[in-house]
Amino acid sequence: MSAPVRVGVVGLGTVGSGVVRLLVESADHITRHAGRPIVVERAVVKDVAKERSVPVPGGKISSDIRDISQDPAISVAVLLVGGLEPARSMMIELLEHGKDVVTANKALLAEHGPELFELARKLGRSIAFEAAVAGGIPIVAAIGECLAANRIESIRGILNGTSNFILTRMEEDGADYADVLKLAQAKGFAEADPSMDVDGTDATQKLAILAHLAFGVWVPWAEISRTGIDGLDLDLLKYAGELGYRIRLVAVASRSDGRLAMRVAPALVRIGTPLAETRGAYNAVSIVGDAVGRMFFHGLGAGQMPTASAVVADIIDTVVGRAAITFRTTGVLESDTPAAKISDTAVLERHFLRIRVKDQLGVLSKITGTLGEHGISIASVIQHDVSGSSDAGVPLVIMTHACDSSAVQKAVAAIDTSDVVRGKSVCLSVLEE
């Protein structure tokens, strides 16, 4: 048998510990797939004194990245620290010292992907990053390799398990957002500071990476429109259910006639469709290719072992040499390629509106009149009764026909200035497939 491949692991948090566990406990199985043993030579962590759930074989653990980057015996570095710095500096050092890198850091790739990819190719190294998007779902390989014969037309996905867990429990248990968020934190699905999950940032960074692979363009993630789930309430989920829909945080990217449209926002998805039936901490991605048509991927999008599974698969691909081959063309951009612009061309969709209004004569005609002035056709209107004080307004639920999304936003802004409206209205897109 060939000599072992020695890897260094940077970061022994939840995912890093899972990676070490897999490499040790499934060593025979991994050796069979890699053609040679894969050995954890050393780990680098921030706090050496911290107790670890999984011991590093041989006990080689330190806090100095140079112990990995400058060790000639180590050929593959597994970078599992989050954030931008020192992660960016660490990756550069590892690449410059001849290491191939495997990472799960989506924030780093969404912010500095082109720079790091170009450097790796210049140095003859590879970066494997399946675990950076959708946990254990092999979506990066699917887009970059399996669907390479297709022009990708659209991507729709539930890319954040924390948000999906919260929405599912609100829907199934009738629990308030704040209570379910605490439950998600207790179960380890949400961080102590959950803002990047619930405000849409995490899903937006992942969408930027997928768009890079699918469309061959670079979109700065911060320029993608994003709305989180922290403004949703139980009534919205209930009204959507009455109409035959569920609310999910959906990442959408589509390309048509050279125009690119992208967003992350809560949307209504029809009950019975795959995205609507994606529950709990699961992720799901729907892709439409011009040759293959629609494909659907579903699985755990976070958690120790699903993410570790993707990391170890990337380590095996790197050892075998597949990663070096595919990385030559994965997401390649010319050095002078400008960042892509997201089109503001109108998107035609149905919309769900929840407007709180005064309980008085003539209110409905004012609302529908404003919608009509903006060219918006109404499919249905439901006025819900409220018990007790109506100071907050009577909820008016409107479903539109397919219409110009920018016109809807302008109409809602105009409606919210009316003296018959109480508070800010909610406008959500409706996805039928």
Protein backbone atom coordinates (compact mmCIF):
# COMPACT_ATOMS: atom_id res chain seq x y z
CA MET A 1 0.00 0.00 0.00
CA SER A 2 1.12 3.56 -0.71
CA ALA A 3 2.55 5.71 2.05
CA PRO A 4 0.02 7.59 4.21
CA VAL A 5 -1.07 11.10 3.34
CA ARG A 6 -0.62 13.41 6.31
CA VAL A 7 -3.10 16.22 6.90
CA GLY A 8 -3.18 19.17 9.27
CA VAL A 9 -6.44 20.40 10.77
CA VAL A 10 -6.82 24.09 11.63
CA GLY A 11 -9.67 24.45 14.10
CA LEU A 12 -11.10 21.73 16.35
CA GLY A 13 -14.56 23.10 16.96
CA THR A 14 -17.75 21.21 16.22
CA VAL A 15 -16.90 20.41 12.59
CA GLY A 16 -13.16 19.93 13.14
CA SER A 17 -13.83 17.39 15.88
CA GLY A 18 -16.24 15.56 13.58
CA VAL A 19 -13.62 15.44 10.82
CA VAL A 20 -11.01 13.93 13.15
CA ARG A 21 -13.56 11.42 14.43
CA LEU A 22 -14.41 10.30 10.89
CA LEU A 23 -10.79 10.03 9.82
CA VAL A 24 -9.97 7.89 12.87
CA GLU A 25 -13.10 5.78 13.27
CA SER A 26 -13.64 5.14 9.54
CA ALA A 27 -9.96 4.80 8.65
CA ASP A 28 -10.31 1.47 6.80
CA HIS A 29 -13.26 2.67 4.74
CA ILE A 30 -11.54 5.97 3.89
CA THR A 31 -8.30 4.19 2.97
CA ARG A 32 -10.23 2.02 0.52
CA HIS A 33 -11.69 5.10 -1.21
CA ALA A 34 -8.47 7.12 -1.14
CA GLY A 35 -6.16 4.26 -2.11
CA ARG A 36 -3.87 5.07 0.80
CA PRO A 37 -4.20 5.88 4.51
CA ILE A 38 -5.06 9.44 5.54
CA VAL A 39 -3.52 10.41 8.85
CA VAL A 40 -4.11 13.47 11.02
CA GLU A 41 -0.57 14.62 11.62
CA ARG A 42 -1.27 17.78 13.64
CA ALA A 43 -3.99 20.20 14.73
CA VAL A 44 -3.72 23.93 15.28
CA VAL A 45 -6.20 25.61 17.62
CA LYS A 46 -6.67 28.93 19.34
CA ASP A 47 -6.70 27.50 22.88
CA VAL A 48 -4.39 24.52 23.36
CA ALA A 49 -5.52 24.01 26.97
CA LYS A 50 -9.19 23.56 26.06
CA GLU A 51 -10.56 20.07 26.62
CA ARG A 52 -11.39 18.30 23.34
CA SER A 53 -14.13 15.76 22.70
CA VAL A 54 -11.86 13.97 20.23
CA PRO A 55 -8.13 13.63 20.91
CA VAL A 56 -5.72 14.30 18.05
CA PRO A 57 -3.82 11.11 17.23
CA GLY A 58 -0.34 11.39 18.66
CA GLY A 59 -1.39 14.42 20.67
CA LYS A 60 0.25 16.87 18.27
CA ILE A 61 -1.64 20.09 18.90
CA SER A 62 -0.44 23.69 18.96
CA SER A 63 -1.57 27.27 18.41
CA ASP A 64 0.89 28.19 15.63
CA ILE A 65 -0.26 27.87 12.00
CA ARG A 66 3.39 27.52 10.98
CA ASP A 67 3.44 24.09 12.59
CA ILE A 68 1.25 22.98 9.69
CA SER A 69 2.26 25.35 6.90
CA GLN A 70 5.98 24.72 7.35
CA ASP A 71 5.79 20.97 7.97
CA PRO A 72 6.91 19.27 4.72
CA ALA A 73 5.25 16.02 5.77
CA ILE A 74 1.79 17.63 5.61
CA SER A 75 0.36 17.95 2.09
CA VAL A 76 -3.30 18.75 2.82
CA ALA A 77 -4.53 21.44 5.24
CA VAL A 78 -8.11 21.44 6.50
CA LEU A 79 -9.08 25.02 7.37
CA LEU A 80 -12.11 24.97 9.70
CA VAL A 81 -12.01 28.37 11.37
CA GLY A 82 -14.80 30.82 10.62
CA GLY A 83 -14.92 34.50 9.73
CA LEU A 84 -12.60 36.50 7.49
CA GLU A 85 -9.49 36.99 9.60
CA PRO A 86 -7.29 35.27 10.49
CA ALA A 87 -8.88 32.71 8.13
CA ARG A 88 -7.84 34.59 4.96
CA SER A 89 -4.25 35.05 6.12
CA MET A 90 -4.07 31.42 7.18
CA MET A 91 -5.29 30.17 3.81
CA ILE A 92 -2.78 32.33 1.95
CA GLU A 93 0.06 31.07 4.13
CA LEU A 94 -1.00 27.45 3.63
CA LEU A 95 -1.23 27.86 -0.14
CA GLU A 96 2.10 29.67 -0.37
CA HIS A 97 3.76 26.83 1.52
CA GLY A 98 2.50 24.26 -0.97
CA LYS A 99 -0.55 22.89 0.82
CA ASP A 100 -3.80 21.95 -0.88
CA VAL A 101 -6.65 23.34 1.22
CA VAL A 102 -10.05 21.98 2.22
CA THR A 103 -12.40 24.45 3.89
CA ALA A 104 -15.98 24.91 5.10
CA ASN A 105 -15.72 28.71 5.48
CA LYS A 106 -18.47 30.16 3.25
CA ALA A 107 -18.00 33.74 4.54
CA LEU A 108 -14.35 33.68 3.46
CA LEU A 109 -15.13 32.37 -0.03
CA ALA A 110 -18.10 34.71 -0.51
CA GLU A 111 -15.89 37.69 0.33
CA HIS A 112 -12.49 36.70 -1.10
CA GLY A 113 -13.21 33.74 -3.40
CA PRO A 114 -11.79 35.11 -6.68
CA GLU A 115 -8.59 36.31 -5.02
CA LEU A 116 -7.98 33.02 -3.22
CA PHE A 117 -8.90 30.85 -6.22
CA GLU A 118 -6.56 32.82 -8.49
CA LEU A 119 -3.71 32.53 -5.98
CA ALA A 120 -4.22 28.78 -5.59
CA ARG A 121 -4.17 28.22 -9.35
CA LYS A 122 -1.09 30.40 -9.74
CA LEU A 123 0.68 28.25 -7.15
CA GLY A 124 -0.55 24.97 -8.59
CA ARG A 125 -2.67 24.21 -5.52
CA SER A 126 -6.37 23.43 -5.08
CA ILE A 127 -9.14 24.63 -2.76
CA ALA A 128 -12.00 22.20 -2.06
CA PHE A 129 -15.09 23.67 -0.42
CA GLU A 130 -18.08 21.33 -0.66
CA ALA A 131 -18.83 21.80 3.03
CA ALA A 132 -19.14 25.59 2.65
CA VAL A 133 -22.64 25.30 1.17
CA ALA A 134 -25.55 23.14 2.35
CA GLY A 135 -23.64 20.92 4.77
CA GLY A 136 -23.75 17.31 3.71
CA ILE A 137 -25.55 17.94 0.39
CA PRO A 138 -23.04 17.53 -2.50
CA ILE A 139 -24.31 20.62 -4.31
CA VAL A 140 -20.91 22.07 -5.26
CA ALA A 141 -19.93 18.84 -7.03
CA ALA A 142 -23.36 18.63 -8.64
CA ILE A 143 -23.10 22.08 -10.20
CA GLY A 144 -19.38 22.08 -10.95
CA GLU A 145 -19.10 18.52 -12.26
CA CYS A 146 -22.29 16.50 -12.67
CA LEU A 147 -24.26 19.29 -14.40
CA ALA A 148 -21.33 20.70 -16.36
CA ALA A 149 -23.10 19.98 -19.67
CA ASN A 150 -25.97 22.28 -18.68
CA ARG A 151 -26.51 25.99 -18.77
CA ILE A 152 -27.97 26.55 -15.33
CA GLU A 153 -31.12 28.63 -15.64
CA SER A 154 -32.13 28.99 -11.99
CA ILE A 155 -31.35 28.04 -8.42
CA ARG A 156 -33.83 28.03 -5.55
CA GLY A 157 -32.83 26.85 -2.15
CA ILE A 158 -33.37 26.66 1.55
CA LEU A 159 -29.76 27.23 2.55
CA ASN A 160 -29.99 27.97 6.27
CA GLY A 161 -31.03 25.20 8.63
CA THR A 162 -31.45 27.52 11.63
CA SER A 163 -34.09 29.64 9.92
CA ASN A 164 -35.85 26.58 8.55
CA PHE A 165 -35.94 24.95 11.98
CA ILE A 166 -37.45 28.10 13.49
CA LEU A 167 -40.13 28.46 10.81
CA THR A 168 -41.02 24.77 11.00
CA ARG A 169 -41.47 24.81 14.77
CA MET A 170 -43.46 28.04 14.68
CA GLU A 171 -45.74 26.46 12.10
CA GLU A 172 -46.11 23.05 13.77
CA ASP A 173 -46.16 24.10 17.42
CA GLY A 174 -47.86 27.48 17.17
CA ALA A 175 -44.94 28.95 19.13
CA ASP A 176 -43.71 32.53 18.93
CA TYR A 177 -40.49 33.39 17.10
CA ALA A 178 -38.62 34.37 20.28
CA ASP A 179 -39.50 31.11 22.04
CA VAL A 180 -38.46 28.94 19.10
CA LEU A 181 -35.21 30.85 18.71
CA LYS A 182 -34.35 29.97 22.32
CA LEU A 183 -35.17 26.32 21.58
CA ALA A 184 -32.93 26.38 18.49
CA GLN A 185 -30.08 27.76 20.59
CA ALA A 186 -30.63 25.09 23.25
CA LYS A 187 -30.49 22.34 20.60
CA GLY A 188 -27.35 23.77 19.04
CA PHE A 189 -29.05 24.79 15.77
CA ALA A 190 -28.51 28.50 16.47
CA GLU A 191 -25.51 30.40 17.78
CA ALA A 192 -25.62 32.60 20.89
CA ASP A 193 -25.67 35.48 18.39
CA PRO A 194 -27.98 34.13 15.65
CA SER A 195 -28.12 37.32 13.59
CA MET A 196 -26.24 36.00 10.52
CA ASP A 197 -28.68 33.09 10.28
CA VAL A 198 -31.97 34.87 10.91
CA ASP A 199 -31.20 38.06 8.96
CA GLY A 200 -30.39 36.13 5.77
CA THR A 201 -26.63 36.80 5.69
CA ASP A 202 -25.59 33.14 5.89
CA ALA A 203 -27.93 32.07 3.08
CA THR A 204 -26.87 35.06 0.95
CA GLN A 205 -23.18 34.19 1.20
CA LYS A 206 -23.95 30.62 0.15
CA LEU A 207 -26.08 31.84 -2.76
CA ALA A 208 -23.21 34.02 -3.98
CA ILE A 209 -20.93 30.96 -4.06
CA LEU A 210 -23.50 28.88 -5.96
CA ALA A 211 -24.08 31.69 -8.46
CA HIS A 212 -20.33 31.87 -9.03
CA LEU A 213 -20.26 28.17 -9.90
CA ALA A 214 -23.51 28.06 -11.86
CA PHE A 215 -23.28 31.25 -13.90
CA GLY A 216 -19.54 31.89 -14.12
CA VAL A 217 -19.87 35.37 -12.64
CA TRP A 218 -18.84 37.03 -9.41
CA VAL A 219 -21.51 38.74 -7.34
CA PRO A 220 -20.44 40.57 -4.16
CA TRP A 221 -22.74 38.95 -1.63
CA ALA A 222 -23.52 42.23 0.17
CA GLU A 223 -25.14 43.54 -3.03
CA ILE A 224 -27.72 40.75 -3.06
CA SER A 225 -31.11 41.80 -1.68
CA ARG A 226 -31.78 39.98 1.59
CA THR A 227 -34.56 39.91 4.16
CA GLY A 228 -34.52 37.65 7.19
CA ILE A 229 -37.18 35.84 9.17
CA ASP A 230 -37.01 37.96 12.32
CA GLY A 231 -39.94 40.10 11.13
CA LEU A 232 -42.32 37.16 10.70
CA ASP A 233 -45.08 36.31 13.14
CA LEU A 234 -47.49 33.44 13.75
CA ASP A 235 -50.40 35.16 12.03
CA LEU A 236 -48.45 35.35 8.76
CA LEU A 237 -47.74 31.62 8.87
CA LYS A 238 -51.38 30.90 9.67
CA TYR A 239 -52.73 33.05 6.83
CA ALA A 240 -50.30 31.45 4.39
CA GLY A 241 -51.45 28.00 5.52
CA GLU A 242 -55.10 28.92 4.96
CA LEU A 243 -54.22 29.73 1.37
CA GLY A 244 -52.36 26.45 0.83
CA TYR A 245 -48.80 27.66 1.38
CA ARG A 246 -45.95 27.57 3.86
CA ILE A 247 -43.40 30.30 4.47
CA ARG A 248 -39.73 29.47 3.98
CA LEU A 249 -36.56 31.55 3.74
CA VAL A 250 -35.71 31.00 0.07
CA ALA A 251 -32.55 31.93 -1.82
CA VAL A 252 -33.26 32.57 -5.51
CA ALA A 253 -30.93 33.13 -8.45
CA SER A 254 -31.96 33.09 -12.09
CA ARG A 255 -30.48 34.16 -15.38
CA SER A 256 -32.44 35.07 -18.48
CA ASP A 257 -31.44 37.03 -21.59
CA GLY A 258 -28.13 37.88 -19.96
CA ARG A 259 -29.78 39.36 -16.87
CA LEU A 260 -29.13 38.01 -13.39
CA ALA A 261 -31.76 38.25 -10.63
CA MET A 262 -30.90 37.24 -7.05
CA ARG A 263 -32.42 37.58 -3.60
CA VAL A 264 -32.83 35.91 -0.21
CA ALA A 265 -36.18 36.49 1.49
CA PRO A 266 -39.13 34.74 3.12
CA ALA A 267 -41.53 33.49 0.45
CA LEU A 268 -44.73 31.49 0.21
CA VAL A 269 -44.17 28.01 -1.24
CA ARG A 270 -47.10 25.79 -2.14
CA ILE A 271 -47.79 22.92 0.28
CA GLY A 272 -46.81 19.63 -1.33
CA THR A 273 -43.87 21.03 -3.28
CA PRO A 274 -40.35 19.94 -2.24
CA LEU A 275 -39.31 23.26 -0.69
CA ALA A 276 -42.52 23.47 1.35
CA GLU A 277 -41.96 19.94 2.67
CA THR A 278 -38.36 20.67 3.72
CA ARG A 279 -38.63 20.78 7.50
CA GLY A 280 -36.47 21.31 10.54
CA ALA A 281 -32.75 21.89 10.12
CA TYR A 282 -32.73 20.43 6.61
CA ASN A 283 -31.55 22.25 3.50
CA ALA A 284 -32.85 21.84 -0.04
CA VAL A 285 -31.75 23.08 -3.44
CA SER A 286 -33.72 23.06 -6.69
CA ILE A 287 -31.73 23.57 -9.89
CA VAL A 288 -33.02 23.95 -13.45
CA GLY A 289 -30.60 23.10 -16.26
CA ASP A 290 -31.34 23.60 -19.93
CA ALA A 291 -30.66 19.94 -20.75
CA VAL A 292 -31.53 18.04 -17.58
CA GLY A 293 -34.52 20.10 -16.47
CA ARG A 294 -35.34 20.49 -12.77
CA MET A 295 -33.36 18.58 -10.16
CA PHE A 296 -33.82 18.57 -6.40
CA PHE A 297 -31.29 17.98 -3.62
CA HIS A 298 -32.25 17.53 0.04
CA GLY A 299 -30.36 16.76 3.22
CA LEU A 300 -29.01 18.05 6.50
CA GLY A 301 -27.46 21.44 5.85
CA ALA A 302 -25.59 21.83 9.10
CA GLY A 303 -24.44 19.91 12.14
CA GLN A 304 -21.24 18.20 13.08
CA MET A 305 -21.31 14.97 11.13
CA PRO A 306 -23.13 16.02 7.92
CA THR A 307 -20.63 18.86 7.47
CA ALA A 308 -17.71 16.65 8.47
CA SER A 309 -18.89 14.15 5.85
CA ALA A 310 -18.48 16.79 3.12
CA VAL A 311 -15.07 17.86 4.46
CA VAL A 312 -13.72 14.31 4.52
CA ALA A 313 -15.06 13.67 1.02
CA ASP A 314 -13.09 16.73 -0.13
CA ILE A 315 -9.98 15.42 1.63
CA ILE A 316 -10.35 12.11 -0.25
CA ASP A 317 -10.85 13.93 -3.56
CA THR A 318 -7.73 15.98 -2.87
CA VAL A 319 -5.66 12.90 -2.03
CA VAL A 320 -6.87 10.99 -5.10
CA GLY A 321 -6.23 13.98 -7.36
CA ARG A 322 -9.82 14.70 -8.42
CA ALA A 323 -9.84 18.06 -6.64
CA ALA A 324 -6.77 19.25 -8.55
CA ILE A 325 -8.41 18.38 -11.88
CA THR A 326 -11.80 19.95 -11.19
CA PHE A 327 -10.36 23.03 -9.49
CA ARG A 328 -8.63 24.06 -12.72
CA THR A 329 -11.98 25.06 -14.20
CA THR A 330 -14.30 25.45 -11.19
CA GLY A 331 -15.51 29.04 -10.98
CA VAL A 332 -12.69 30.35 -13.16
CA LEU A 333 -12.85 34.08 -13.86
CA GLU A 334 -10.56 36.19 -15.96
CA SER A 335 -8.48 38.47 -13.74
CA ASP A 336 -10.09 41.56 -15.26
CA THR A 337 -13.68 40.26 -15.13
CA PRO A 338 -15.86 42.86 -13.41
CA ALA A 339 -18.27 41.86 -10.68
CA ALA A 340 -21.68 40.93 -12.08
CA LYS A 341 -24.57 43.34 -11.73
CA ILE A 342 -27.88 42.15 -10.42
CA SER A 343 -30.59 43.27 -12.80
CA ASP A 344 -33.35 45.56 -11.56
CA THR A 345 -35.51 44.44 -14.48
CA ALA A 346 -38.98 43.59 -13.29
CA VAL A 347 -39.65 40.01 -12.12
CA LEU A 348 -43.21 38.81 -12.67
CA GLU A 349 -44.50 36.90 -9.64
CA ARG A 350 -47.58 36.54 -7.51
CA HIS A 351 -47.42 38.32 -4.16
CA PHE A 352 -48.94 37.90 -0.71
CA LEU A 353 -49.75 41.08 1.20
CA ARG A 354 -50.72 41.47 4.85
CA ILE A 355 -51.96 45.00 5.53
CA ARG A 356 -53.36 46.15 8.89
CA VAL A 357 -56.12 48.68 8.37
CA LYS A 358 -58.71 50.68 10.28
CA ASP A 359 -62.04 48.90 10.64
CA GLN A 360 -64.17 51.43 8.76
CA LEU A 361 -66.09 51.85 5.54
CA GLY A 362 -64.18 52.61 2.36
CA VAL A 363 -60.85 51.16 3.49
CA LEU A 364 -60.84 48.26 1.04
CA SER A 365 -61.57 50.51 -1.92
CA LYS A 366 -58.64 52.76 -0.98
CA ILE A 367 -56.24 49.81 -0.80
CA THR A 368 -57.41 48.18 -4.01
CA GLY A 369 -57.42 51.58 -5.72
CA THR A 370 -53.76 52.12 -4.90
CA LEU A 371 -52.88 48.65 -6.15
CA GLY A 372 -54.80 49.31 -9.35
CA GLU A 373 -52.96 52.57 -9.92
CA HIS A 374 -49.72 50.57 -9.94
CA GLY A 375 -51.06 48.00 -12.40
CA ILE A 376 -51.54 45.23 -9.83
CA SER A 377 -54.41 42.78 -10.36
CA ILE A 378 -55.92 41.16 -7.25
CA ALA A 379 -56.61 37.43 -7.14
CA SER A 380 -58.24 37.26 -3.69
CA VAL A 381 -58.90 39.32 -0.56
CA ILE A 382 -59.51 37.95 2.93
CA GLN A 383 -60.34 40.12 5.93
CA HIS A 384 -59.70 38.40 9.24
CA ASP A 385 -61.61 39.14 12.40
CA VAL A 386 -59.65 40.27 15.44
CA SER A 387 -60.58 39.75 19.05
CA GLY A 388 -60.25 42.44 21.69
CA SER A 389 -58.75 45.82 20.87
CA SER A 390 -58.33 46.67 17.18
CA ASP A 391 -55.80 49.45 17.78
CA ALA A 392 -53.24 47.44 15.81
CA GLY A 393 -55.63 47.32 12.87
CA VAL A 394 -57.68 44.64 11.13
CA PRO A 395 -55.52 42.27 9.03
CA LEU A 396 -56.30 42.37 5.34
CA VAL A 397 -54.71 39.53 3.32
CA ILE A 398 -54.38 40.01 -0.42
CA MET A 399 -53.07 37.62 -3.06
CA THR A 400 -52.14 39.23 -6.36
CA HIS A 401 -51.90 37.79 -9.84
CA ALA A 402 -48.43 37.67 -11.38
CA CYS A 403 -47.20 41.22 -11.60
CA ASP A 404 -44.14 43.44 -11.71
CA SER A 405 -42.37 42.92 -8.38
CA SER A 406 -40.96 46.45 -8.36
CA ALA A 407 -44.46 47.86 -8.90
CA VAL A 408 -45.72 45.89 -5.89
CA GLN A 409 -43.00 47.35 -3.69
CA LYS A 410 -43.91 50.87 -4.83
CA ALA A 411 -47.61 50.22 -4.23
CA VAL A 412 -47.01 48.88 -0.72
CA ALA A 413 -44.84 51.90 0.10
CA ALA A 414 -47.71 54.16 -1.03
CA ILE A 415 -50.27 52.14 0.93
CA ASP A 416 -48.22 52.42 4.11
CA THR A 417 -48.45 56.21 3.96
CA SER A 418 -52.25 56.09 4.10
CA ASP A 419 -54.04 57.23 7.25
CA VAL A 420 -56.16 54.05 7.19
CA VAL A 421 -53.13 51.75 7.56
CA ARG A 422 -51.67 50.69 10.89
CA GLY A 423 -47.98 49.78 10.90
CA LYS A 424 -45.77 48.46 8.12
CA SER A 425 -47.32 46.07 5.62
CA VAL A 426 -45.78 42.72 4.71
CA CYS A 427 -45.13 41.74 1.09
CA LEU A 428 -43.87 38.24 0.25
CA SER A 429 -43.28 36.59 -3.11
CA VAL A 430 -45.24 33.46 -3.97
CA LEU A 431 -43.36 30.50 -5.49
CA GLU A 432 -45.60 27.88 -7.07
CA GLU A 433 -43.03 25.20 -7.96
